[in-house]
């Protein structure tokens, strides 16, 4: 399959490249990324040459890592030789050196440091300004008129399902359906809603994408709309799940998963999906209600200036309580003592993070009481078997 954009990058910057390519592809711009799009066993040089010859433009993800790579010099030289435009996307404030200085110094570029993901939109607009045919048309969904007996409406889900199978693979599409089945407690009431940019959720003809999917050839990226926190970042880092850059604009974690790491990380993914689901229910229930006193943190549940992280709040609460305690009681204690700044549907969020940290974070020196879901600090171990 031909790609619109060839992304030249250092493998050390792969995480940023994953986020960038996902953003561009969400906006209808097809990307070639070597690690993803070159099948195992292929002749690497031949596939790189083929991709450069067929692309419209090269995006150089420029950093100190890129500056130190010599392999990418060949890619830039070939692209320029083909008469294709080259656009540096500078994710670090670093000067060009060596061959990069020769090829790139006088080219228009986009400064994307210190937060590259905040400039993805600018890059997308620049590409579309150069190639207007890449602008994705806005599709306004109109209510469907009543259907006469014996006349079937067009099955858009079916056509887009075929589109995604052709674009990615049947295995990836099956993986999306399996994810929905596994987490049916939260996703079961929704139908999958297929478009040409994503697979979201729909209920009663209303789109509700608190989670949505972008399938790839062998894996799937799930977008989960929850606030970014240090504790969630830590849990995800320790899980080994592949993460793309957090989308600050729509407050969404992006996680790539395969069948294997889906099975291995059900607890963590379940917590994330549950949090997004509960937050969505909270916002849906309150979106038409105007707060009478938004300045009073105890009424809104959103005190400012957190004194500690959730992890610190959990440990402090266990230290205060000095006895086996469940995550719900720990949450109540955190709220009562105002140990942590809370937003949205905070009760489920804090309780879920408490549970994950206590179960999976080796740095938290706590134990679980035998035959229960109660936890305590090791120094306050109760008498009897634990």
Protein backbone atom coordinates (compact mmCIF):
# COMPACT_ATOMS: atom_id res chain seq x y z
CA UNK A 1 0.00 0.00 0.00
CA UNK A 2 1.29 3.44 -0.94
CA UNK A 3 1.92 5.94 1.83
CA UNK A 4 1.65 9.73 1.72
CA UNK A 5 4.43 10.44 4.19
CA UNK A 6 7.78 8.76 4.77
CA UNK A 7 8.87 9.36 8.38
CA UNK A 8 12.65 9.35 8.83
CA UNK A 9 13.68 9.01 12.48
CA UNK A 10 16.07 7.53 15.01
CA UNK A 11 14.90 4.30 16.62
CA UNK A 12 15.58 5.93 20.00
CA UNK A 13 12.71 8.35 19.27
CA UNK A 14 10.25 5.62 18.33
CA UNK A 15 7.72 6.51 21.04
CA UNK A 16 7.27 10.03 19.67
CA UNK A 17 7.11 8.70 16.12
CA UNK A 18 4.33 6.31 17.14
CA UNK A 19 2.28 9.19 18.49
CA UNK A 20 2.98 11.36 15.45
CA UNK A 21 2.03 8.69 12.94
CA UNK A 22 -1.14 7.85 14.85
CA UNK A 23 -2.17 11.52 14.82
CA UNK A 24 -1.49 11.95 11.10
CA UNK A 25 -3.31 8.74 10.20
CA UNK A 26 -6.27 9.83 12.32
CA UNK A 27 -6.42 12.81 9.98
CA UNK A 28 -6.28 10.75 6.80
CA UNK A 29 -2.52 11.03 6.09
CA UNK A 30 -0.99 7.60 5.53
CA UNK A 31 2.49 7.13 7.00
CA UNK A 32 5.40 4.81 6.29
CA UNK A 33 7.37 3.84 9.40
CA UNK A 34 10.14 1.33 8.86
CA UNK A 35 9.78 -0.69 12.07
CA UNK A 36 6.04 -1.15 11.48
CA UNK A 37 5.71 -1.39 7.72
CA UNK A 38 8.66 -3.55 6.66
CA UNK A 39 7.64 -7.22 7.01
CA UNK A 40 10.09 -9.62 8.70
CA UNK A 41 12.47 -11.24 6.24
CA UNK A 42 12.22 -8.43 3.69
CA UNK A 43 15.23 -6.73 2.12
CA UNK A 44 15.37 -3.56 4.21
CA UNK A 45 17.10 -1.32 1.62
CA UNK A 46 14.66 -2.34 -1.11
CA UNK A 47 11.61 -1.56 1.04
CA UNK A 48 13.05 1.83 2.09
CA UNK A 49 13.73 2.71 -1.56
CA UNK A 50 10.23 1.64 -2.62
CA UNK A 51 8.63 3.70 0.17
CA UNK A 52 10.61 6.86 -0.63
CA UNK A 53 9.82 6.57 -4.33
CA UNK A 54 6.09 6.24 -3.68
CA UNK A 55 5.64 8.86 -0.92
CA UNK A 56 4.68 12.51 -1.39
CA UNK A 57 6.86 14.02 1.34
CA UNK A 58 9.48 13.06 3.93
CA UNK A 59 9.11 14.15 7.55
CA UNK A 60 12.42 14.18 9.44
CA UNK A 61 11.88 13.74 13.19
CA UNK A 62 15.00 15.65 14.16
CA UNK A 63 16.80 15.22 17.49
CA UNK A 64 20.28 14.64 18.84
CA UNK A 65 19.65 10.93 18.32
CA UNK A 66 18.84 11.59 14.66
CA UNK A 67 21.94 13.80 14.34
CA UNK A 68 24.10 10.88 15.47
CA UNK A 69 22.67 8.41 12.95
CA UNK A 70 24.43 7.94 9.61
CA UNK A 71 21.87 5.57 8.08
CA UNK A 72 19.25 8.32 7.81
CA UNK A 73 21.61 10.42 5.62
CA UNK A 74 20.98 7.96 2.79
CA UNK A 75 17.21 8.33 3.20
CA UNK A 76 17.38 12.15 3.03
CA UNK A 77 19.72 12.13 0.03
CA UNK A 78 17.49 9.68 -1.85
CA UNK A 79 14.34 11.70 -1.14
CA UNK A 80 15.93 14.94 -2.33
CA UNK A 81 17.23 13.10 -5.38
CA UNK A 82 13.66 12.01 -6.15
CA UNK A 83 12.58 15.66 -6.03
CA UNK A 84 10.36 15.09 -2.98
CA UNK A 85 9.98 17.80 -0.31
CA UNK A 86 11.69 17.20 3.06
CA UNK A 87 10.23 18.81 6.20
CA UNK A 88 12.24 18.64 9.47
CA UNK A 89 10.11 18.33 12.61
CA UNK A 90 12.53 19.36 15.36
CA UNK A 91 11.68 17.70 18.68
CA UNK A 92 14.87 19.02 20.33
CA UNK A 93 16.68 22.36 20.15
CA UNK A 94 19.69 20.86 18.39
CA UNK A 95 21.76 22.23 15.50
CA UNK A 96 22.26 20.22 12.34
CA UNK A 97 25.71 18.69 11.94
CA UNK A 98 27.58 16.83 9.22
CA UNK A 99 25.49 15.70 6.26
CA UNK A 100 22.31 16.85 8.01
CA UNK A 101 23.61 20.42 7.95
CA UNK A 102 24.29 20.11 4.23
CA UNK A 103 20.84 18.70 3.45
CA UNK A 104 18.57 20.38 6.00
CA UNK A 105 19.95 23.73 7.15
CA UNK A 106 18.17 25.90 4.58
CA UNK A 107 14.88 24.01 4.62
CA UNK A 108 11.68 25.26 6.23
CA UNK A 109 11.20 23.39 9.51
CA UNK A 110 8.78 23.17 12.45
CA UNK A 111 10.07 23.68 16.00
CA UNK A 112 8.29 21.12 18.17
CA UNK A 113 10.25 21.29 21.41
CA UNK A 114 9.81 20.93 24.33
CA UNK A 115 6.39 19.20 23.87
CA UNK A 116 6.33 17.63 20.37
CA UNK A 117 2.78 16.27 20.67
CA UNK A 118 1.45 19.82 20.98
CA UNK A 119 2.76 20.55 17.47
CA UNK A 120 1.35 17.49 15.73
CA UNK A 121 -1.59 19.59 14.56
CA UNK A 122 0.70 22.23 13.03
CA UNK A 123 2.60 19.55 11.13
CA UNK A 124 -0.64 18.00 9.88
CA UNK A 125 -1.89 21.38 8.63
CA UNK A 126 1.43 22.08 6.90
CA UNK A 127 1.32 18.76 5.03
CA UNK A 128 -2.29 19.39 3.99
CA UNK A 129 -1.43 22.92 2.82
CA UNK A 130 1.26 21.45 0.55
CA UNK A 131 -1.02 18.62 -0.62
CA UNK A 132 -4.67 19.76 -0.38
CA UNK A 133 -5.83 16.38 -1.64
CA UNK A 134 -4.83 14.98 1.79
CA UNK A 135 -7.39 17.12 3.62
CA UNK A 136 -9.92 14.74 5.09
CA UNK A 137 -13.48 15.87 4.25
CA UNK A 138 -15.72 16.59 7.20
CA UNK A 139 -18.56 14.11 7.32
CA UNK A 140 -21.74 15.33 9.00
CA UNK A 141 -23.95 12.43 9.95
CA UNK A 142 -27.59 13.15 9.11
CA UNK A 143 -30.53 11.38 10.75
CA UNK A 144 -31.66 8.49 8.58
CA UNK A 145 -35.18 8.79 7.11
CA UNK A 146 -37.69 6.04 7.86
CA UNK A 147 -36.98 2.92 5.85
CA UNK A 148 -39.77 1.50 3.72
CA UNK A 149 -40.66 -2.13 4.21
CA UNK A 150 -38.42 -4.34 2.13
CA UNK A 151 -35.76 -1.64 1.63
CA UNK A 152 -32.56 -2.05 3.60
CA UNK A 153 -30.40 0.97 4.63
CA UNK A 154 -26.76 0.90 3.58
CA UNK A 155 -24.63 -1.08 6.03
CA UNK A 156 -21.85 1.44 6.69
CA UNK A 157 -20.40 -0.70 9.46
CA UNK A 158 -20.02 -3.58 7.02
CA UNK A 159 -18.32 -1.47 4.36
CA UNK A 160 -15.95 0.16 6.85
CA UNK A 161 -15.23 -3.22 8.42
CA UNK A 162 -14.04 -4.42 5.00
CA UNK A 163 -12.07 -1.17 4.63
CA UNK A 164 -10.21 -1.79 7.90
CA UNK A 165 -9.53 -5.43 7.07
CA UNK A 166 -7.99 -4.35 3.77
CA UNK A 167 -6.05 -1.50 5.40
CA UNK A 168 -4.77 -3.58 8.35
CA UNK A 169 -5.69 -7.25 8.78
CA UNK A 170 -8.54 -9.52 9.85
CA UNK A 171 -6.47 -10.46 12.92
CA UNK A 172 -6.43 -6.83 14.08
CA UNK A 173 -10.17 -6.49 13.57
CA UNK A 174 -10.79 -9.69 15.53
CA UNK A 175 -8.59 -8.26 18.30
CA UNK A 176 -10.81 -5.16 18.55
CA UNK A 177 -13.88 -7.38 18.91
CA UNK A 178 -12.12 -9.56 21.49
CA UNK A 179 -11.18 -6.48 23.54
CA UNK A 180 -14.82 -5.40 23.56
CA UNK A 181 -15.91 -8.88 24.64
CA UNK A 182 -13.37 -9.08 27.47
CA UNK A 183 -14.47 -5.71 28.86
CA UNK A 184 -18.16 -6.19 28.10
CA UNK A 185 -19.03 -5.05 31.63
CA UNK A 186 -18.18 -1.51 30.46
CA UNK A 187 -18.41 -1.75 26.66
CA UNK A 188 -21.17 -4.32 26.19
CA UNK A 189 -24.00 -1.77 26.00
CA UNK A 190 -22.32 -0.10 23.00
CA UNK A 191 -21.98 -1.14 19.36
CA UNK A 192 -18.74 -0.74 17.47
CA UNK A 193 -19.00 2.29 15.18
CA UNK A 194 -16.73 2.10 12.13
CA UNK A 195 -15.43 5.14 10.26
CA UNK A 196 -12.50 5.58 7.90
CA UNK A 197 -10.32 7.01 10.70
CA UNK A 198 -11.22 4.99 13.79
CA UNK A 199 -13.48 2.41 15.38
CA UNK A 200 -15.47 3.97 18.18
CA UNK A 201 -18.55 3.26 20.28
CA UNK A 202 -22.18 4.01 19.58
CA UNK A 203 -25.43 3.60 21.51
CA UNK A 204 -28.91 4.55 20.31
CA UNK A 205 -27.41 6.26 17.24
CA UNK A 206 -25.24 8.46 19.47
CA UNK A 207 -21.44 8.29 19.27
CA UNK A 208 -19.73 8.05 22.66
CA UNK A 209 -16.01 7.54 22.24
CA UNK A 210 -14.66 7.41 25.79
CA UNK A 211 -12.53 4.67 24.29
CA UNK A 212 -11.88 4.04 20.60
CA UNK A 213 -9.54 1.99 18.43
CA UNK A 214 -7.16 2.43 15.50
CA UNK A 215 -6.19 -1.03 14.22
CA UNK A 216 -2.75 -1.61 12.73
CA UNK A 217 -1.37 -4.56 10.81
CA UNK A 218 -0.55 -6.83 13.74
CA UNK A 219 -1.72 -4.82 16.73
CA UNK A 220 -4.36 -2.32 17.82
CA UNK A 221 -4.02 1.11 19.42
CA UNK A 222 -6.70 1.87 22.00
CA UNK A 223 -7.38 5.51 22.93
CA UNK A 224 -8.65 5.84 26.53
CA UNK A 225 -9.98 9.22 27.67
CA UNK A 226 -8.79 9.80 31.24
CA UNK A 227 -6.66 12.46 32.89
CA UNK A 228 -2.91 11.94 32.87
CA UNK A 229 -1.39 11.23 36.30
CA UNK A 230 2.05 10.21 37.51
CA UNK A 231 0.60 7.10 39.13
CA UNK A 232 -1.09 5.85 35.96
CA UNK A 233 2.14 6.57 34.05
CA UNK A 234 4.10 4.51 36.57
CA UNK A 235 1.71 1.57 36.42
CA UNK A 236 1.78 1.58 32.60
CA UNK A 237 5.57 1.85 32.50
CA UNK A 238 5.91 -1.14 34.83
CA UNK A 239 3.39 -3.17 32.82
CA UNK A 240 5.52 -3.18 29.68
CA UNK A 241 2.56 -2.13 27.49
CA UNK A 242 3.63 -0.07 24.48
CA UNK A 243 2.50 3.54 24.91
CA UNK A 244 2.24 6.36 22.40
CA UNK A 245 2.55 9.98 23.46
CA UNK A 246 -0.34 11.15 25.66
CA UNK A 247 -2.71 13.38 23.73
CA UNK A 248 -3.10 16.46 25.93
CA UNK A 249 -5.61 18.05 23.59
CA UNK A 250 -8.27 15.38 24.09
CA UNK A 251 -6.83 13.98 27.37
CA UNK A 252 -6.29 10.48 26.04
CA UNK A 253 -3.86 7.67 26.78
CA UNK A 254 -2.87 5.70 23.67
CA UNK A 255 -1.78 2.10 24.23
CA UNK A 256 -0.73 -0.43 21.62
CA UNK A 257 -1.62 -4.02 22.43
CA UNK A 258 -1.46 -7.47 20.86
CA UNK A 259 -3.33 -10.63 21.79
CA UNK A 260 -0.45 -11.61 24.10
CA UNK A 261 -0.11 -8.43 26.13
CA UNK A 262 -3.89 -7.98 26.20
CA UNK A 263 -4.11 -11.27 28.08
CA UNK A 264 -1.16 -10.41 30.31
CA UNK A 265 -2.48 -6.97 31.32
CA UNK A 266 -6.21 -7.50 31.75
CA UNK A 267 -6.24 -6.05 35.30
CA UNK A 268 -4.54 -2.79 34.28
CA UNK A 269 -6.55 -2.37 31.08
CA UNK A 270 -9.75 -3.17 32.97
CA UNK A 271 -8.99 -0.40 35.46
CA UNK A 272 -8.30 2.12 32.68
CA UNK A 273 -11.44 1.22 30.73
CA UNK A 274 -13.54 1.25 33.90
CA UNK A 275 -12.20 4.69 34.83
CA UNK A 276 -13.00 6.08 31.38
CA UNK A 277 -16.46 4.47 31.53
CA UNK A 278 -17.26 5.83 34.98
CA UNK A 279 -15.92 9.29 34.13
CA UNK A 280 -18.06 9.27 30.99
CA UNK A 281 -21.16 8.34 32.99
CA UNK A 282 -20.38 11.11 35.46
CA UNK A 283 -19.97 13.73 32.73
CA UNK A 284 -23.07 12.53 30.88
CA UNK A 285 -25.11 12.80 34.07
CA UNK A 286 -23.87 16.28 34.93
CA UNK A 287 -23.21 17.95 31.57
CA UNK A 288 -26.56 19.83 31.67
CA UNK A 289 -26.27 20.80 35.32
CA UNK A 290 -24.68 24.14 36.22
CA UNK A 291 -22.71 24.10 39.44
CA UNK A 292 -24.13 26.51 42.02
CA UNK A 293 -20.77 27.11 43.61
CA UNK A 294 -17.80 26.16 41.47
CA UNK A 295 -15.37 27.86 43.84
CA UNK A 296 -16.14 25.53 46.76
CA UNK A 297 -13.86 22.56 46.37
CA UNK A 298 -15.71 20.37 48.90
CA UNK A 299 -18.94 20.66 46.86
CA UNK A 300 -17.38 20.07 43.47
CA UNK A 301 -14.91 17.42 44.58
CA UNK A 302 -12.03 19.26 42.93
CA UNK A 303 -9.76 20.82 45.56
CA UNK A 304 -6.75 22.63 44.13
CA UNK A 305 -3.03 22.19 44.78
CA UNK A 306 -2.57 18.50 45.63
CA UNK A 307 -0.38 17.91 48.66
CA UNK A 308 0.83 14.48 47.55
CA UNK A 309 0.52 11.87 44.79
CA UNK A 310 -2.10 9.13 44.97
CA UNK A 311 0.61 6.64 45.92
CA UNK A 312 1.75 8.86 48.78
CA UNK A 313 -1.86 9.34 49.83
CA UNK A 314 -2.41 5.56 49.93
CA UNK A 315 0.67 4.99 52.08
CA UNK A 316 -0.23 7.86 54.39
CA UNK A 317 -3.76 6.51 54.80
CA UNK A 318 -2.53 2.99 55.62
CA UNK A 319 -0.12 4.51 58.12
CA UNK A 320 -2.98 6.45 59.71
CA UNK A 321 -5.38 3.50 59.84
CA UNK A 322 -2.87 0.90 61.18
CA UNK A 323 -5.18 -2.05 60.37
CA UNK A 324 -6.27 -4.14 57.37
CA UNK A 325 -8.26 -1.80 55.13
CA UNK A 326 -10.01 -2.06 51.77
CA UNK A 327 -9.42 0.30 48.87
CA UNK A 328 -12.86 1.87 49.36
CA UNK A 329 -12.05 2.80 52.95
CA UNK A 330 -8.65 4.06 51.88
CA UNK A 331 -10.38 6.29 49.33
CA UNK A 332 -12.77 7.62 51.98
CA UNK A 333 -9.82 8.41 54.23
CA UNK A 334 -7.98 10.22 51.42
CA UNK A 335 -11.08 12.30 50.77
CA UNK A 336 -11.67 13.05 54.41
CA UNK A 337 -8.07 14.14 55.01
CA UNK A 338 -7.81 15.86 51.60
CA UNK A 339 -4.53 14.11 50.88
CA UNK A 340 -5.02 14.24 47.13
CA UNK A 341 -6.49 16.69 44.59
CA UNK A 342 -9.47 15.05 42.90
CA UNK A 343 -11.19 15.65 39.57
CA UNK A 344 -14.18 14.19 37.78
CA UNK A 345 -15.64 10.92 39.07
CA UNK A 346 -12.92 10.72 41.67
CA UNK A 347 -14.25 7.88 43.84
CA UNK A 348 -13.78 5.08 41.29
CA UNK A 349 -10.57 6.63 39.98
CA UNK A 350 -8.84 6.77 43.35
CA UNK A 351 -10.16 3.38 44.47
CA UNK A 352 -8.94 1.78 41.24
CA UNK A 353 -5.48 3.32 41.49
CA UNK A 354 -5.26 2.30 45.14
CA UNK A 355 -6.04 -1.29 44.20
CA UNK A 356 -3.53 -1.43 41.34
CA UNK A 357 -0.73 0.17 43.33
CA UNK A 358 -1.27 -2.14 46.29
CA UNK A 359 -1.36 -5.23 44.08
CA UNK A 360 1.39 -4.46 41.57
CA UNK A 361 3.79 -1.78 42.83
CA UNK A 362 6.73 -3.55 44.47
CA UNK A 363 7.88 -0.31 46.10
CA UNK A 364 4.72 -0.21 48.23
CA UNK A 365 5.59 -2.34 51.28
CA UNK A 366 2.12 -3.61 52.06
CA UNK A 367 0.43 -6.97 52.36
CA UNK A 368 -2.97 -8.42 51.58
CA UNK A 369 -4.92 -10.12 54.35
CA UNK A 370 -5.52 -13.77 53.63
CA UNK A 371 -8.99 -14.51 52.29
CA UNK A 372 -9.94 -10.87 51.82
CA UNK A 373 -9.27 -7.73 49.80
CA UNK A 374 -7.89 -5.86 52.78
CA UNK A 375 -4.38 -4.36 52.79
CA UNK A 376 -2.00 -3.12 55.46
CA UNK A 377 1.56 -1.87 55.82
CA UNK A 378 4.01 -4.63 56.72
CA UNK A 379 5.03 -2.85 59.93
CA UNK A 380 1.43 -3.04 61.15
CA UNK A 381 0.97 -6.74 60.45
CA UNK A 382 -1.95 -8.10 62.49
CA UNK A 383 -1.59 -11.14 64.70
CA UNK A 384 -2.27 -14.52 63.18
CA UNK A 385 -1.66 -15.79 59.64
CA UNK A 386 -1.45 -13.26 56.83
